[in-house]
Amino acid sequence: MPPTDLPPQLRRLWRIPEPETRHGRPSLLDTERVVEAAIVLADRDGVEAATLPKVAVELGVTAMSLYRHVGSKLELLELMVDRASTPPRAENDERPRTADAWRAAIQTWADRLWDLYCERPWIVRVPVHGPPAGPNQLAWLEQALGAFVGTDFTWREKLGFCMVVNGHVRQSVLLTQELAAGRTTEKQAEIEHRYGRTMADLVDADRFPELTSMFTAEVFDGADEPSMSTARRDFHAGLTLILDGIDRQQRTRAADPG
């Protein structure tokens, strides 16, 4: 039984009906319809399109009528993100049962989150104003924390690891989007090759000795790959570094519990 004194925002986020205080004909509009319409706009035209006036046009109502169901643009975005972030349903209990199984579990979680953000790229463009509070966002966190079942990490450590991995996924997808937005019809290898050659001509070895060495080492002369393949490879490379750090912390603790 949910508390009776929940703020309206949390009631709407958790889909808990408001106490009945009015009589007469029920409204044809509700929070669910407002949020669904906003998600349709964001899926189609990006998060910038999901404004209250545009949602009102989509639903054929006045903008002022929406405020009975959504308190503000900020609340609308929070509702949208939570509704659109349904976590994948595991067929079985995937929580690891040994101290070393966490790595595969958290990598699977990160890959699923990457897929969600690529499917709905507008989610990573919604500013984060606080900790997760909606049921779907908490379900994602529950799955991430479940990856560390069987380890001796503290709750603070587990939460910190989840935040770091989530931040890496989010930033990786956001960077992929921004690079794609600025990409021309050239292939990725052509863009990188031209960049490397141009920078090699521009940088001064006295001012930028390390960059000079890097640009002359043909780092940007790799074979061409599809852009998303390259992005996912880079994402996994960064994720491996994070997981290696967690693994080292676990092994150091096991070797010296004191």
Protein backbone atom coordinates (compact mmCIF):
# COMPACT_ATOMS: atom_id res chain seq x y z
CA MET A 1 0.00 0.00 0.00
CA PRO A 2 1.68 3.28 -1.12
CA PRO A 3 1.80 6.20 1.31
CA THR A 4 -1.17 8.54 1.13
CA ASP A 5 0.97 11.68 1.36
CA LEU A 6 3.09 11.11 -1.78
CA PRO A 7 3.78 14.24 -3.84
CA PRO A 8 1.75 14.39 -7.07
CA GLN A 9 4.94 14.04 -9.15
CA LEU A 10 5.81 10.70 -7.55
CA ARG A 11 2.23 9.49 -7.90
CA ARG A 12 2.33 10.20 -11.61
CA LEU A 13 5.79 8.65 -11.98
CA TRP A 14 4.65 5.44 -10.28
CA ARG A 15 1.18 5.51 -11.86
CA ILE A 16 -0.56 5.69 -8.51
CA PRO A 17 -4.06 7.19 -8.90
CA GLU A 18 -4.81 10.39 -7.08
CA PRO A 19 -7.40 10.16 -4.29
CA GLU A 20 -10.90 10.78 -5.63
CA THR A 21 -11.84 14.37 -4.83
CA ARG A 22 -14.01 15.33 -7.78
CA HIS A 23 -17.36 14.25 -9.09
CA GLY A 24 -18.83 14.41 -12.55
CA ARG A 25 -17.64 13.33 -15.96
CA PRO A 26 -14.08 11.91 -15.95
CA SER A 27 -11.50 13.66 -18.10
CA LEU A 28 -10.75 12.11 -21.49
CA LEU A 29 -7.12 13.11 -20.97
CA ASP A 30 -4.74 11.55 -18.48
CA THR A 31 -1.03 11.53 -17.69
CA GLU A 32 -0.46 8.34 -19.64
CA ARG A 33 -1.78 9.83 -22.88
CA VAL A 34 0.26 13.00 -22.41
CA VAL A 35 3.49 11.06 -21.84
CA GLU A 36 2.85 8.65 -24.72
CA ALA A 37 2.27 11.57 -27.09
CA ALA A 38 5.48 13.24 -25.92
CA ILE A 39 7.46 10.03 -26.47
CA VAL A 40 6.06 9.74 -30.00
CA LEU A 41 7.28 13.28 -30.72
CA ALA A 42 10.72 12.58 -29.23
CA ASP A 43 11.08 9.29 -31.13
CA ARG A 44 10.18 11.07 -34.35
CA ASP A 45 11.86 14.47 -34.04
CA GLY A 46 14.13 14.41 -30.99
CA VAL A 47 13.65 15.56 -27.43
CA GLU A 48 13.46 19.20 -28.50
CA ALA A 49 10.12 18.42 -30.15
CA ALA A 50 8.55 17.12 -26.93
CA THR A 51 7.30 20.47 -25.62
CA LEU A 52 3.99 20.94 -23.85
CA PRO A 53 2.57 23.14 -26.65
CA LYS A 54 3.48 20.55 -29.30
CA VAL A 55 2.08 17.73 -27.17
CA ALA A 56 -1.14 19.72 -26.86
CA VAL A 57 -1.35 20.05 -30.66
CA GLU A 58 -0.68 16.32 -31.03
CA LEU A 59 -3.57 15.54 -28.67
CA GLY A 60 -5.87 18.26 -29.95
CA VAL A 61 -6.19 20.04 -26.61
CA THR A 62 -5.05 23.33 -25.11
CA ALA A 63 -1.60 23.57 -23.56
CA MET A 64 -3.09 24.73 -20.26
CA SER A 65 -5.18 21.57 -19.98
CA LEU A 66 -1.99 19.49 -19.79
CA TYR A 67 -0.98 21.00 -16.44
CA ARG A 68 -3.71 19.00 -14.70
CA HIS A 69 -1.77 15.87 -15.68
CA VAL A 70 1.88 17.01 -15.88
CA GLY A 71 3.20 19.69 -13.57
CA SER A 72 6.03 21.08 -15.72
CA LYS A 73 8.31 20.46 -18.69
CA LEU A 74 10.91 19.03 -16.29
CA GLU A 75 8.40 16.55 -14.91
CA LEU A 76 7.30 15.61 -18.44
CA LEU A 77 10.88 14.74 -19.36
CA GLU A 78 11.27 12.63 -16.21
CA LEU A 79 8.06 10.77 -17.00
CA MET A 80 9.13 10.26 -20.63
CA VAL A 81 12.53 8.85 -19.72
CA ASP A 82 11.08 6.42 -17.21
CA ARG A 83 8.28 5.23 -19.50
CA ALA A 84 10.67 4.79 -22.44
CA SER A 85 13.32 2.96 -20.39
CA THR A 86 11.60 -0.37 -19.87
CA PRO A 87 14.39 -2.82 -18.98
CA PRO A 88 14.62 -6.15 -20.80
CA ARG A 89 12.88 -8.94 -18.95
CA ALA A 90 15.28 -11.73 -18.00
CA GLU A 91 13.95 -15.21 -18.73
CA ASN A 92 15.74 -16.59 -15.68
CA ASP A 93 17.39 -15.15 -12.62
CA GLU A 94 20.62 -13.86 -14.16
CA ARG A 95 22.22 -12.70 -10.94
CA PRO A 96 25.71 -14.16 -10.52
CA ARG A 97 26.21 -16.66 -7.73
CA THR A 98 30.00 -16.57 -7.48
CA ALA A 99 32.44 -13.81 -6.58
CA ASP A 100 33.92 -13.75 -10.11
CA ALA A 101 30.69 -13.80 -12.15
CA TRP A 102 29.93 -10.09 -11.73
CA ARG A 103 32.00 -9.05 -14.76
CA ALA A 104 29.95 -10.87 -17.39
CA ALA A 105 26.74 -9.76 -15.69
CA ILE A 106 27.59 -6.05 -15.62
CA GLN A 107 28.89 -6.18 -19.21
CA THR A 108 25.58 -7.68 -20.33
CA TRP A 109 23.77 -4.93 -18.44
CA ALA A 110 25.90 -2.23 -20.08
CA ASP A 111 25.30 -3.69 -23.55
CA ARG A 112 21.55 -3.68 -22.97
CA LEU A 113 21.65 -0.08 -21.80
CA TRP A 114 23.69 0.86 -24.89
CA ASP A 115 21.04 -0.79 -27.08
CA LEU A 116 18.26 1.16 -25.34
CA TYR A 117 20.07 4.47 -25.78
CA CYS A 118 20.75 3.71 -29.46
CA GLU A 119 17.11 2.74 -30.02
CA ARG A 120 15.88 5.91 -28.32
CA PRO A 121 18.78 8.37 -28.72
CA TRP A 122 16.85 11.28 -27.23
CA ILE A 123 17.05 9.75 -23.74
CA VAL A 124 20.74 10.65 -23.29
CA ARG A 125 19.92 14.25 -24.22
CA VAL A 126 17.56 14.70 -21.28
CA PRO A 127 19.43 16.47 -18.44
CA VAL A 128 19.88 14.44 -15.26
CA HIS A 129 18.63 16.42 -12.27
CA GLY A 130 18.75 13.80 -9.54
CA PRO A 131 18.96 10.12 -8.63
CA PRO A 132 16.64 7.59 -10.31
CA ALA A 133 13.15 7.68 -8.83
CA GLY A 134 10.86 6.02 -11.36
CA PRO A 135 10.06 2.29 -11.44
CA ASN A 136 11.81 1.56 -14.74
CA GLN A 137 14.94 3.49 -13.89
CA LEU A 138 15.09 1.76 -10.51
CA ALA A 139 14.62 -1.59 -12.28
CA TRP A 140 17.74 -0.87 -14.34
CA LEU A 141 19.63 -0.02 -11.15
CA GLU A 142 18.31 -3.19 -9.49
CA GLN A 143 19.71 -5.28 -12.34
CA ALA A 144 23.08 -3.52 -12.14
CA LEU A 145 23.33 -4.02 -8.39
CA GLY A 146 22.30 -7.64 -8.86
CA ALA A 147 25.44 -8.14 -10.95
CA PHE A 148 27.51 -7.81 -7.77
CA VAL A 149 25.67 -10.48 -5.78
CA GLY A 150 28.26 -12.83 -4.33
CA THR A 151 30.99 -10.17 -4.02
CA ASP A 152 32.14 -8.54 -0.80
CA PHE A 153 31.89 -4.99 -2.13
CA THR A 154 30.09 -2.51 0.10
CA TRP A 155 26.82 -0.92 -0.99
CA ARG A 156 28.62 2.38 -1.54
CA GLU A 157 31.13 0.63 -3.79
CA LYS A 158 28.46 -1.23 -5.75
CA LEU A 159 26.48 1.95 -6.31
CA GLY A 160 29.63 3.79 -7.35
CA PHE A 161 30.52 1.09 -9.88
CA CYS A 162 27.00 1.21 -11.34
CA MET A 163 27.19 4.99 -11.69
CA VAL A 164 30.57 4.86 -13.43
CA VAL A 165 29.42 2.19 -15.90
CA ASN A 166 26.15 4.01 -16.56
CA GLY A 167 28.05 7.26 -17.14
CA HIS A 168 30.36 5.55 -19.62
CA VAL A 169 27.43 4.08 -21.56
CA ARG A 170 25.62 7.41 -21.64
CA GLN A 171 28.65 9.47 -22.67
CA SER A 172 29.71 6.92 -25.29
CA VAL A 173 26.30 7.00 -26.97
CA LEU A 174 26.13 10.79 -26.76
CA LEU A 175 29.56 11.14 -28.38
CA THR A 176 28.53 8.69 -31.10
CA GLN A 177 25.46 10.80 -31.84
CA GLU A 178 27.42 14.03 -32.01
CA LEU A 179 30.06 12.56 -34.31
CA ALA A 180 27.36 11.14 -36.57
CA ALA A 181 25.62 14.53 -36.73
CA GLY A 182 28.80 16.17 -37.99
CA ARG A 183 29.77 13.39 -40.38
CA THR A 184 29.61 13.94 -44.12
CA THR A 185 29.23 11.27 -46.79
CA GLU A 186 32.87 10.32 -46.31
CA LYS A 187 33.75 6.99 -44.80
CA GLN A 188 35.02 6.91 -41.24
CA ALA A 189 38.53 5.89 -42.29
CA GLU A 190 38.72 8.80 -44.73
CA ILE A 191 37.67 11.28 -42.05
CA GLU A 192 40.19 9.94 -39.54
CA HIS A 193 43.00 9.82 -42.14
CA ARG A 194 42.43 13.44 -43.20
CA TYR A 195 42.25 14.52 -39.56
CA GLY A 196 45.54 12.79 -38.72
CA ARG A 197 47.36 14.24 -41.73
CA THR A 198 46.02 17.76 -41.12
CA MET A 199 46.92 17.75 -37.42
CA ALA A 200 50.39 16.36 -38.19
CA ASP A 201 51.00 19.41 -40.38
CA LEU A 202 49.64 21.87 -37.83
CA VAL A 203 51.08 20.81 -34.48
CA ASP A 204 54.45 22.13 -33.39
CA ALA A 205 56.77 19.45 -31.98
CA ASP A 206 58.17 21.87 -29.37
CA ARG A 207 54.72 22.79 -28.05
CA PHE A 208 52.99 19.44 -28.58
CA PRO A 209 55.68 16.73 -28.46
CA GLU A 210 53.35 13.87 -27.54
CA LEU A 211 50.70 14.82 -30.08
CA THR A 212 53.37 15.14 -32.76
CA SER A 213 54.54 11.60 -32.04
CA MET A 214 50.97 10.30 -32.07
CA PHE A 215 49.95 11.96 -35.33
CA THR A 216 53.08 10.72 -37.11
CA ALA A 217 52.54 7.16 -35.84
CA GLU A 218 49.66 6.54 -38.29
CA VAL A 219 47.16 6.05 -35.48
CA PHE A 220 44.41 7.39 -37.74
CA ASP A 221 45.25 5.23 -40.77
CA GLY A 222 43.17 2.20 -39.83
CA ALA A 223 40.88 0.19 -42.10
CA ASP A 224 37.37 1.48 -42.61
CA GLU A 225 34.53 0.05 -40.54
CA PRO A 226 30.83 0.86 -40.31
CA SER A 227 30.43 3.79 -37.93
CA MET A 228 28.32 1.93 -35.37
CA SER A 229 30.78 -0.97 -35.37
CA THR A 230 33.58 1.47 -34.63
CA ALA A 231 31.53 3.16 -31.92
CA ARG A 232 30.66 -0.12 -30.24
CA ARG A 233 34.27 -1.26 -30.37
CA ASP A 234 35.40 1.96 -28.69
CA PHE A 235 32.60 1.62 -26.13
CA HIS A 236 33.74 -1.90 -25.24
CA ALA A 237 37.37 -0.75 -25.00
CA GLY A 238 36.43 1.87 -22.41
CA LEU A 239 34.16 -0.55 -20.57
CA THR A 240 37.00 -3.07 -20.36
CA LEU A 241 39.20 -0.48 -18.64
CA ILE A 242 36.47 0.23 -16.07
CA LEU A 243 35.86 -3.46 -15.39
CA ASP A 244 39.59 -4.10 -15.12
CA GLY A 245 39.73 -1.44 -12.40
CA ILE A 246 36.88 -3.05 -10.47
CA ASP A 247 38.52 -6.45 -10.88
CA ARG A 248 41.84 -5.14 -9.57
CA GLN A 249 40.13 -3.65 -6.52
CA GLN A 250 38.45 -6.99 -5.81
CA ARG A 251 41.69 -8.97 -6.18
CA THR A 252 43.68 -6.51 -4.06
CA ARG A 253 41.13 -6.84 -1.28
CA ALA A 254 41.17 -10.63 -1.50
CA ALA A 255 44.97 -10.66 -1.26
CA ASP A 256 45.06 -8.26 1.68
CA PRO A 257 41.73 -8.18 3.57
CA GLY A 258 43.21 -5.77 6.10
